[in-house]
Every structure is written in structure tokens, then in C-alpha cells.
Amino acid sequence: VQAGGSLRLSCAASGRTFSSLAMGWFRQAPGKEREFV
């Protein structure tokens, strides 16, 4: 996407009751450690 644009990420879960899970998003850029989002 170009700068200024938008995206929507989705994450589908299975194997356990979803409502029992706290959820998070993290990201990792090249050459860097994973960070909280």
C-alpha cells in the first residue's frame, strides 16, 4: 500500500474458545526485533 493508505488485517483463531483469549498484534521489521503494536 502507498503511504497514507489503509489496510485491515484479520486473524482467525481455532482450537479453543475464542472469548477466553486476550489477543494482540505485533510486528517485526527487517533487522529489528519484534515489537508490540
PDB file of all heavy atoms in Angstrom:
ATOM      1  N   VAL A   1       0.846  -1.184   0.000  1.00  0.00           N
ATOM      2  CA  VAL A   1       0.000   0.000   0.000  1.00  0.00           C
ATOM      3  C   VAL A   1       0.885   1.240   0.000  1.00  0.00           C
ATOM      4  O   VAL A   1       2.001   1.218   0.513  1.00  0.00           O
ATOM      5  CB  VAL A   1      -0.944  -0.003   1.224  1.00  0.00           C
ATOM      6  CG1 VAL A   1      -0.146   0.089   2.525  1.00  0.00           C
ATOM      7  CG2 VAL A   1      -1.962   1.114   1.130  1.00  0.00           C
ATOM      8  N   GLN A   2       0.398   2.311  -0.591  1.00  0.00           N
ATOM      9  CA  GLN A   2       1.135   3.564  -0.594  1.00  0.00           C
ATOM     10  C   GLN A   2       0.981   4.283   0.744  1.00  0.00           C
ATOM     11  O   GLN A   2      -0.002   4.095   1.457  1.00  0.00           O
ATOM     12  CB  GLN A   2       0.646   4.474  -1.719  1.00  0.00           C
ATOM     13  CG  GLN A   2       0.947   3.961  -3.109  1.00  0.00           C
ATOM     14  CD  GLN A   2       0.577   4.963  -4.182  1.00  0.00           C
ATOM     15  OE1 GLN A   2       0.271   6.118  -3.900  1.00  0.00           O
ATOM     16  NE2 GLN A   2       0.622   4.535  -5.422  1.00  0.00           N
ATOM     17  N   ALA A   3       1.970   5.100   1.060  1.00  0.00           N
ATOM     18  CA  ALA A   3       1.897   5.899   2.276  1.00  0.00           C
ATOM     19  C   ALA A   3       0.604   6.703   2.307  1.00  0.00           C
ATOM     20  O   ALA A   3       0.193   7.281   1.302  1.00  0.00           O
ATOM     21  CB  ALA A   3       3.103   6.825   2.372  1.00  0.00           C
ATOM     22  N   GLY A   4      -0.024   6.726   3.475  1.00  0.00           N
ATOM     23  CA  GLY A   4      -1.294   7.404   3.627  1.00  0.00           C
ATOM     24  C   GLY A   4      -2.495   6.510   3.413  1.00  0.00           C
ATOM     25  O   GLY A   4      -3.624   6.901   3.742  1.00  0.00           O
ATOM     26  N   GLY A   5      -2.265   5.328   2.893  1.00  0.00           N
ATOM     27  CA  GLY A   5      -3.340   4.393   2.631  1.00  0.00           C
ATOM     28  C   GLY A   5      -3.723   3.580   3.848  1.00  0.00           C
ATOM     29  O   GLY A   5      -3.209   3.784   4.947  1.00  0.00           O
ATOM     30  N   SER A   6      -4.621   2.625   3.635  1.00  0.00           N
ATOM     31  CA  SER A   6      -5.154   1.815   4.722  1.00  0.00           C
ATOM     32  C   SER A   6      -5.157   0.342   4.365  1.00  0.00           C
ATOM     33  O   SER A   6      -5.247  -0.041   3.195  1.00  0.00           O
ATOM     34  CB  SER A   6      -6.591   2.236   5.056  1.00  0.00           C
ATOM     35  OG  SER A   6      -6.657   3.577   5.484  1.00  0.00           O
ATOM     36  N   LEU A   7      -5.058  -0.483   5.393  1.00  0.00           N
ATOM     37  CA  LEU A   7      -5.204  -1.923   5.279  1.00  0.00           C
ATOM     38  C   LEU A   7      -5.915  -2.428   6.515  1.00  0.00           C
ATOM     39  O   LEU A   7      -5.802  -1.829   7.583  1.00  0.00           O
ATOM     40  CB  LEU A   7      -3.848  -2.628   5.176  1.00  0.00           C
ATOM     41  CG  LEU A   7      -3.097  -2.596   3.851  1.00  0.00           C
ATOM     42  CD1 LEU A   7      -1.720  -3.227   4.046  1.00  0.00           C
ATOM     43  CD2 LEU A   7      -3.862  -3.324   2.771  1.00  0.00           C
ATOM     44  N   ARG A   8      -6.623  -3.534   6.374  1.00  0.00           N
ATOM     45  CA  ARG A   8      -7.205  -4.196   7.520  1.00  0.00           C
ATOM     46  C   ARG A   8      -6.704  -5.625   7.582  1.00  0.00           C
ATOM     47  O   ARG A   8      -6.927  -6.414   6.664  1.00  0.00           O
ATOM     48  CB  ARG A   8      -8.733  -4.202   7.485  1.00  0.00           C
ATOM     49  CG  ARG A   8      -9.342  -4.727   8.793  1.00  0.00           C
ATOM     50  CD  ARG A   8     -10.852  -4.705   8.818  1.00  0.00           C
ATOM     51  NE  ARG A   8     -11.431  -5.762   8.003  1.00  0.00           N
ATOM     52  CZ  ARG A   8     -12.684  -6.194   8.120  1.00  0.00           C
ATOM     53  NH1 ARG A   8     -13.493  -5.641   9.033  1.00  0.00           N
ATOM     54  NH2 ARG A   8     -13.129  -7.143   7.330  1.00  0.00           N
ATOM     55  N   LEU A   9      -6.027  -5.952   8.663  1.00  0.00           N
ATOM     56  CA  LEU A   9      -5.542  -7.294   8.889  1.00  0.00           C
ATOM     57  C   LEU A   9      -6.574  -8.084   9.684  1.00  0.00           C
ATOM     58  O   LEU A   9      -7.260  -7.536  10.544  1.00  0.00           O
ATOM     59  CB  LEU A   9      -4.222  -7.285   9.657  1.00  0.00           C
ATOM     60  CG  LEU A   9      -3.080  -6.449   9.068  1.00  0.00           C
ATOM     61  CD1 LEU A   9      -1.825  -6.625   9.912  1.00  0.00           C
ATOM     62  CD2 LEU A   9      -2.823  -6.828   7.618  1.00  0.00           C
ATOM     63  N   SER A  10      -6.663  -9.367   9.396  1.00  0.00           N
ATOM     64  CA  SER A  10      -7.556 -10.252  10.117  1.00  0.00           C
ATOM     65  C   SER A  10      -6.767 -11.416  10.677  1.00  0.00           C
ATOM     66  O   SER A  10      -5.765 -11.840  10.104  1.00  0.00           O
ATOM     67  CB  SER A  10      -8.660 -10.787   9.199  1.00  0.00           C
ATOM     68  OG  SER A  10      -9.456  -9.747   8.680  1.00  0.00           O
ATOM     69  N   CYS A  11      -7.222 -11.939  11.794  1.00  0.00           N
ATOM     70  CA  CYS A  11      -6.606 -13.108  12.402  1.00  0.00           C
ATOM     71  C   CYS A  11      -7.713 -14.034  12.865  1.00  0.00           C
ATOM     72  O   CYS A  11      -8.475 -13.683  13.777  1.00  0.00           O
ATOM     73  CB  CYS A  11      -5.709 -12.706  13.571  1.00  0.00           C
ATOM     74  SG  CYS A  11      -4.984 -14.094  14.461  1.00  0.00           S
ATOM     75  N   ALA A  12      -7.805 -15.192  12.244  1.00  0.00           N
ATOM     76  CA  ALA A  12      -8.815 -16.175  12.589  1.00  0.00           C
ATOM     77  C   ALA A  12      -8.232 -17.204  13.545  1.00  0.00           C
ATOM     78  O   ALA A  12      -7.148 -17.738  13.308  1.00  0.00           O
ATOM     79  CB  ALA A  12      -9.333 -16.860  11.334  1.00  0.00           C
ATOM     80  N   ALA A  13      -8.962 -17.485  14.610  1.00  0.00           N
ATOM     81  CA  ALA A  13      -8.499 -18.413  15.634  1.00  0.00           C
ATOM     82  C   ALA A  13      -9.349 -19.673  15.649  1.00  0.00           C
ATOM     83  O   ALA A  13     -10.555 -19.636  15.380  1.00  0.00           O
ATOM     84  CB  ALA A  13      -8.533 -17.748  17.007  1.00  0.00           C
ATOM     85  N   SER A  14      -8.714 -20.780  15.985  1.00  0.00           N
ATOM     86  CA  SER A  14      -9.424 -22.037  16.136  1.00  0.00           C
ATOM     87  C   SER A  14      -8.724 -22.888  17.181  1.00  0.00           C
ATOM     88  O   SER A  14      -7.571 -22.643  17.531  1.00  0.00           O
ATOM     89  CB  SER A  14      -9.503 -22.792  14.807  1.00  0.00           C
ATOM     90  OG  SER A  14      -8.201 -23.131  14.340  1.00  0.00           O
ATOM     91  N   GLY A  15      -9.419 -23.895  17.680  1.00  0.00           N
ATOM     92  CA  GLY A  15      -8.829 -24.824  18.630  1.00  0.00           C
ATOM     93  C   GLY A  15      -9.140 -24.556  20.091  1.00  0.00           C
ATOM     94  O   GLY A  15      -8.818 -25.371  20.943  1.00  0.00           O
ATOM     95  N   ARG A  16      -9.734 -23.417  20.381  1.00  0.00           N
ATOM     96  CA  ARG A  16     -10.083 -23.052  21.739  1.00  0.00           C
ATOM     97  C   ARG A  16     -11.162 -21.984  21.695  1.00  0.00           C
ATOM     98  O   ARG A  16     -11.262 -21.256  20.707  1.00  0.00           O
ATOM     99  CB  ARG A  16      -8.867 -22.549  22.505  1.00  0.00           C
ATOM    100  CG  ARG A  16      -9.094 -22.349  24.001  1.00  0.00           C
ATOM    101  CD  ARG A  16      -7.839 -21.830  24.689  1.00  0.00           C
ATOM    102  NE  ARG A  16      -8.052 -21.643  26.113  1.00  0.00           N
ATOM    103  CZ  ARG A  16      -7.827 -22.570  27.035  1.00  0.00           C
ATOM    104  NH1 ARG A  16      -7.364 -23.760  26.677  1.00  0.00           N
ATOM    105  NH2 ARG A  16      -8.057 -22.315  28.318  1.00  0.00           N
ATOM    106  N   THR A  17     -11.933 -21.886  22.747  1.00  0.00           N
ATOM    107  CA  THR A  17     -12.960 -20.852  22.814  1.00  0.00           C
ATOM    108  C   THR A  17     -12.314 -19.479  22.684  1.00  0.00           C
ATOM    109  O   THR A  17     -11.519 -19.074  23.526  1.00  0.00           O
ATOM    110  CB  THR A  17     -13.743 -20.944  24.120  1.00  0.00           C
ATOM    111  OG1 THR A  17     -14.336 -22.235  24.230  1.00  0.00           O
ATOM    112  CG2 THR A  17     -14.834 -19.885  24.163  1.00  0.00           C
ATOM    113  N   PHE A  18     -12.672 -18.772  21.628  1.00  0.00           N
ATOM    114  CA  PHE A  18     -12.017 -17.516  21.313  1.00  0.00           C
ATOM    115  C   PHE A  18     -12.196 -16.478  22.407  1.00  0.00           C
ATOM    116  O   PHE A  18     -11.275 -15.705  22.696  1.00  0.00           O
ATOM    117  CB  PHE A  18     -12.543 -16.986  19.976  1.00  0.00           C
ATOM    118  CG  PHE A  18     -11.864 -15.741  19.499  1.00  0.00           C
ATOM    119  CD1 PHE A  18     -10.532 -15.760  19.139  1.00  0.00           C
ATOM    120  CD2 PHE A  18     -12.561 -14.547  19.407  1.00  0.00           C
ATOM    121  CE1 PHE A  18      -9.895 -14.608  18.690  1.00  0.00           C
ATOM    122  CE2 PHE A  18     -11.944 -13.398  18.957  1.00  0.00           C
ATOM    123  CZ  PHE A  18     -10.611 -13.428  18.600  1.00  0.00           C
ATOM    124  N   SER A  19     -13.361 -16.449  23.012  1.00  0.00           N
ATOM    125  CA  SER A  19     -13.647 -15.440  24.018  1.00  0.00           C
ATOM    126  C   SER A  19     -12.816 -15.603  25.279  1.00  0.00           C
ATOM    127  O   SER A  19     -12.805 -14.707  26.122  1.00  0.00           O
ATOM    128  CB  SER A  19     -15.137 -15.440  24.372  1.00  0.00           C
ATOM    129  OG  SER A  19     -15.526 -16.696  24.895  1.00  0.00           O
ATOM    130  N   SER A  20     -12.117 -16.714  25.433  1.00  0.00           N
ATOM    131  CA  SER A  20     -11.257 -16.928  26.590  1.00  0.00           C
ATOM    132  C   SER A  20      -9.854 -16.378  26.380  1.00  0.00           C
ATOM    133  O   SER A  20      -9.026 -16.449  27.291  1.00  0.00           O
ATOM    134  CB  SER A  20     -11.162 -18.419  26.919  1.00  0.00           C
ATOM    135  OG  SER A  20     -10.441 -19.118  25.927  1.00  0.00           O
ATOM    136  N   LEU A  21      -9.579 -15.826  25.201  1.00  0.00           N
ATOM    137  CA  LEU A  21      -8.241 -15.379  24.837  1.00  0.00           C
ATOM    138  C   LEU A  21      -8.149 -13.868  24.739  1.00  0.00           C
ATOM    139  O   LEU A  21      -8.956 -13.239  24.057  1.00  0.00           O
ATOM    140  CB  LEU A  21      -7.840 -15.975  23.493  1.00  0.00           C
ATOM    141  CG  LEU A  21      -7.840 -17.497  23.373  1.00  0.00           C
ATOM    142  CD1 LEU A  21      -7.690 -17.898  21.916  1.00  0.00           C
ATOM    143  CD2 LEU A  21      -6.723 -18.101  24.211  1.00  0.00           C
ATOM    144  N   ALA A  22      -7.160 -13.307  25.404  1.00  0.00           N
ATOM    145  CA  ALA A  22      -6.758 -11.947  25.095  1.00  0.00           C
ATOM    146  C   ALA A  22      -5.928 -11.999  23.817  1.00  0.00           C
ATOM    147  O   ALA A  22      -5.187 -12.951  23.593  1.00  0.00           O
ATOM    148  CB  ALA A  22      -5.945 -11.351  26.235  1.00  0.00           C
ATOM    149  N   MET A  23      -6.049 -10.987  22.975  1.00  0.00           N
ATOM    150  CA  MET A  23      -5.394 -11.018  21.674  1.00  0.00           C
ATOM    151  C   MET A  23      -4.502  -9.803  21.487  1.00  0.00           C
ATOM    152  O   MET A  23      -4.780  -8.723  22.017  1.00  0.00           O
ATOM    153  CB  MET A  23      -6.428 -11.063  20.553  1.00  0.00           C
ATOM    154  CG  MET A  23      -7.356 -12.269  20.594  1.00  0.00           C
ATOM    155  SD  MET A  23      -6.489 -13.841  20.320  1.00  0.00           S
ATOM    156  CE  MET A  23      -5.900 -13.610  18.640  1.00  0.00           C
ATOM    157  N   GLY A  24      -3.457  -9.993  20.709  1.00  0.00           N
ATOM    158  CA  GLY A  24      -2.547  -8.901  20.432  1.00  0.00           C
ATOM    159  C   GLY A  24      -2.001  -8.963  19.023  1.00  0.00           C
ATOM    160  O   GLY A  24      -2.052 -10.006  18.356  1.00  0.00           O
ATOM    161  N   TRP A  25      -1.505  -7.832  18.573  1.00  0.00           N
ATOM    162  CA  TRP A  25      -0.786  -7.725  17.306  1.00  0.00           C
ATOM    163  C   TRP A  25       0.628  -7.238  17.580  1.00  0.00           C
ATOM    164  O   TRP A  25       0.827  -6.303  18.353  1.00  0.00           O
ATOM    165  CB  TRP A  25      -1.470  -6.751  16.344  1.00  0.00           C
ATOM    166  CG  TRP A  25      -2.730  -7.272  15.719  1.00  0.00           C
ATOM    167  CD1 TRP A  25      -4.006  -7.047  16.133  1.00  0.00           C
ATOM    168  CD2 TRP A  25      -2.821  -8.088  14.551  1.00  0.00           C
ATOM    169  NE1 TRP A  25      -4.889  -7.672  15.303  1.00  0.00           N
ATOM    170  CE2 TRP A  25      -4.194  -8.325  14.318  1.00  0.00           C
ATOM    171  CE3 TRP A  25      -1.892  -8.648  13.678  1.00  0.00           C
ATOM    172  CZ2 TRP A  25      -4.649  -9.094  13.246  1.00  0.00           C
ATOM    173  CZ3 TRP A  25      -2.338  -9.414  12.618  1.00  0.00           C
ATOM    174  CH2 TRP A  25      -3.699  -9.631  12.413  1.00  0.00           C
ATOM    175  N   PHE A  26       1.587  -7.861  16.922  1.00  0.00           N
ATOM    176  CA  PHE A  26       2.984  -7.485  16.998  1.00  0.00           C
ATOM    177  C   PHE A  26       3.534  -7.377  15.582  1.00  0.00           C
ATOM    178  O   PHE A  26       2.932  -7.878  14.645  1.00  0.00           O
ATOM    179  CB  PHE A  26       3.784  -8.516  17.800  1.00  0.00           C
ATOM    180  CG  PHE A  26       3.357  -8.621  19.237  1.00  0.00           C
ATOM    181  CD1 PHE A  26       2.229  -9.351  19.590  1.00  0.00           C
ATOM    182  CD2 PHE A  26       4.083  -7.992  20.234  1.00  0.00           C
ATOM    183  CE1 PHE A  26       1.829  -9.445  20.915  1.00  0.00           C
ATOM    184  CE2 PHE A  26       3.693  -8.086  21.565  1.00  0.00           C
ATOM    185  CZ  PHE A  26       2.569  -8.804  21.900  1.00  0.00           C
ATOM    186  N   ARG A  27       4.675  -6.729  15.445  1.00  0.00           N
ATOM    187  CA  ARG A  27       5.277  -6.630  14.127  1.00  0.00           C
ATOM    188  C   ARG A  27       6.791  -6.701  14.230  1.00  0.00           C
ATOM    189  O   ARG A  27       7.371  -6.376  15.257  1.00  0.00           O
ATOM    190  CB  ARG A  27       4.861  -5.340  13.418  1.00  0.00           C
ATOM    191  CG  ARG A  27       5.394  -4.064  14.063  1.00  0.00           C
ATOM    192  CD  ARG A  27       4.804  -2.839  13.386  1.00  0.00           C
ATOM    193  NE  ARG A  27       5.328  -1.597  13.931  1.00  0.00           N
ATOM    194  CZ  ARG A  27       4.891  -0.389  13.599  1.00  0.00           C
ATOM    195  NH1 ARG A  27       3.912  -0.258  12.710  1.00  0.00           N
ATOM    196  NH2 ARG A  27       5.435   0.691  14.154  1.00  0.00           N
ATOM    197  N   GLN A  28       7.408  -7.133  13.138  1.00  0.00           N
ATOM    198  CA  GLN A  28       8.853  -7.234  13.082  1.00  0.00           C
ATOM    199  C   GLN A  28       9.341  -6.713  11.746  1.00  0.00           C
ATOM    200  O   GLN A  28       9.017  -7.273  10.697  1.00  0.00           O
ATOM    201  CB  GLN A  28       9.315  -8.680  13.288  1.00  0.00           C
ATOM    202  CG  GLN A  28      10.822  -8.828  13.391  1.00  0.00           C
ATOM    203  CD  GLN A  28      11.231 -10.199  13.879  1.00  0.00           C
ATOM    204  OE1 GLN A  28      10.483 -11.166  13.754  1.00  0.00           O
ATOM    205  NE2 GLN A  28      12.411 -10.284  14.457  1.00  0.00           N
ATOM    206  N   ALA A  29      10.101  -5.637  11.797  1.00  0.00           N
ATOM    207  CA  ALA A  29      10.692  -5.049  10.608  1.00  0.00           C
ATOM    208  C   ALA A  29      12.042  -5.703  10.337  1.00  0.00           C
ATOM    209  O   ALA A  29      12.664  -6.263  11.244  1.00  0.00           O
ATOM    210  CB  ALA A  29      10.858  -3.546  10.794  1.00  0.00           C
ATOM    211  N   PRO A  30      12.525  -5.635   9.098  1.00  0.00           N
ATOM    212  CA  PRO A  30      13.821  -6.236   8.775  1.00  0.00           C
ATOM    213  C   PRO A  30      14.937  -5.713   9.665  1.00  0.00           C
ATOM    214  O   PRO A  30      15.087  -4.507   9.844  1.00  0.00           O
ATOM    215  CB  PRO A  30      14.037  -5.826   7.320  1.00  0.00           C
ATOM    216  CG  PRO A  30      12.659  -5.642   6.773  1.00  0.00           C
ATOM    217  CD  PRO A  30      11.876  -5.054   7.917  1.00  0.00           C
ATOM    218  N   GLY A  31      15.710  -6.625  10.229  1.00  0.00           N
ATOM    219  CA  GLY A  31      16.832  -6.249  11.069  1.00  0.00           C
ATOM    220  C   GLY A  31      16.475  -5.784  12.457  1.00  0.00           C
ATOM    221  O   GLY A  31      17.366  -5.356  13.201  1.00  0.00           O
ATOM    222  N   LYS A  32      15.210  -5.854  12.824  1.00  0.00           N
ATOM    223  CA  LYS A  32      14.786  -5.400  14.138  1.00  0.00           C
ATOM    224  C   LYS A  32      14.030  -6.501  14.876  1.00  0.00           C
ATOM    225  O   LYS A  32      13.560  -7.463  14.283  1.00  0.00           O
ATOM    226  CB  LYS A  32      13.904  -4.160  14.020  1.00  0.00           C
ATOM    227  CG  LYS A  32      14.625  -2.946  13.459  1.00  0.00           C
ATOM    228  CD  LYS A  32      13.761  -1.708  13.543  1.00  0.00           C
ATOM    229  CE  LYS A  32      14.514  -0.479  13.075  1.00  0.00           C
ATOM    230  NZ  LYS A  32      13.693   0.756  13.195  1.00  0.00           N
ATOM    231  N   GLU A  33      13.932  -6.329  16.180  1.00  0.00           N
ATOM    232  CA  GLU A  33      13.202  -7.281  16.999  1.00  0.00           C
ATOM    233  C   GLU A  33      11.702  -7.038  16.901  1.00  0.00           C
ATOM    234  O   GLU A  33      11.248  -5.949  16.561  1.00  0.00           O
ATOM    235  CB  GLU A  33      13.658  -7.194  18.453  1.00  0.00           C
ATOM    236  CG  GLU A  33      15.107  -7.602  18.678  1.00  0.00           C
ATOM    237  CD  GLU A  33      15.491  -7.631  20.136  1.00  0.00           C
ATOM    238  OE1 GLU A  33      14.688  -7.191  20.982  1.00  0.00           O
ATOM    239  OE2 GLU A  33      16.593  -8.104  20.437  1.00  0.00           O
ATOM    240  N   ARG A  34      10.952  -8.061  17.211  1.00  0.00           N
ATOM    241  CA  ARG A  34       9.505  -7.955  17.201  1.00  0.00           C
ATOM    242  C   ARG A  34       9.046  -6.979  18.278  1.00  0.00           C
ATOM    243  O   ARG A  34       9.576  -6.973  19.390  1.00  0.00           O
ATOM    244  CB  ARG A  34       8.894  -9.334  17.428  1.00  0.00           C
ATOM    245  CG  ARG A  34       7.390  -9.394  17.248  1.00  0.00           C
ATOM    246  CD  ARG A  34       6.934 -10.840  17.166  1.00  0.00           C
ATOM    247  NE  ARG A  34       7.362 -11.609  18.322  1.00  0.00           N
ATOM    248  CZ  ARG A  34       7.351 -12.930  18.386  1.00  0.00           C
ATOM    249  NH1 ARG A  34       6.937 -13.645  17.344  1.00  0.00           N
ATOM    250  NH2 ARG A  34       7.758 -13.547  19.482  1.00  0.00           N
ATOM    251  N   GLU A  35       8.061  -6.153  17.948  1.00  0.00           N
ATOM    252  CA  GLU A  35       7.579  -5.154  18.879  1.00  0.00           C
ATOM    253  C   GLU A  35       6.059  -5.183  18.987  1.00  0.00           C
ATOM    254  O   GLU A  35       5.353  -5.582  18.064  1.00  0.00           O
ATOM    255  CB  GLU A  35       8.036  -3.755  18.456  1.00  0.00           C
ATOM    256  CG  GLU A  35       7.465  -3.288  17.129  1.00  0.00           C
ATOM    257  CD  GLU A  35       7.911  -1.888  16.759  1.00  0.00           C
ATOM    258  OE1 GLU A  35       8.668  -1.268  17.530  1.00  0.00           O
ATOM    259  OE2 GLU A  35       7.500  -1.400  15.683  1.00  0.00           O
ATOM    260  N   PHE A  36       5.588  -4.717  20.119  1.00  0.00           N
ATOM    261  CA  PHE A  36       4.162  -4.653  20.380  1.00  0.00           C
ATOM    262  C   PHE A  36       3.498  -3.593  19.523  1.00  0.00           C
ATOM    263  O   PHE A  36       4.049  -2.514  19.304  1.00  0.00           O
ATOM    264  CB  PHE A  36       3.936  -4.339  21.860  1.00  0.00           C
ATOM    265  CG  PHE A  36       2.523  -3.971  22.191  1.00  0.00           C
ATOM    266  CD1 PHE A  36       1.535  -4.936  22.260  1.00  0.00           C
ATOM    267  CD2 PHE A  36       2.174  -2.651  22.430  1.00  0.00           C
ATOM    268  CE1 PHE A  36       0.229  -4.601  22.563  1.00  0.00           C
ATOM    269  CE2 PHE A  36       0.876  -2.303  22.737  1.00  0.00           C
ATOM    270  CZ  PHE A  36      -0.099  -3.284  22.802  1.00  0.00           C
ATOM    271  N   VAL A  37       2.294  -3.893  19.055  1.00  0.00           N
ATOM    272  CA  VAL A  37       1.516  -2.951  18.268  1.00  0.00           C
ATOM    273  C   VAL A  37       0.198  -2.605  18.968  1.00  0.00           C
ATOM    274  O   VAL A  37      -0.101  -1.439  19.205  1.00  0.00           O
ATOM    275  CB  VAL A  37       1.226  -3.486  16.854  1.00  0.00           C
ATOM    276  CG1 VAL A  37       0.321  -2.527  16.089  1.00  0.00           C
ATOM    277  CG2 VAL A  37       2.528  -3.713  16.093  1.00  0.00           C
TER     278      VAL A  37
END
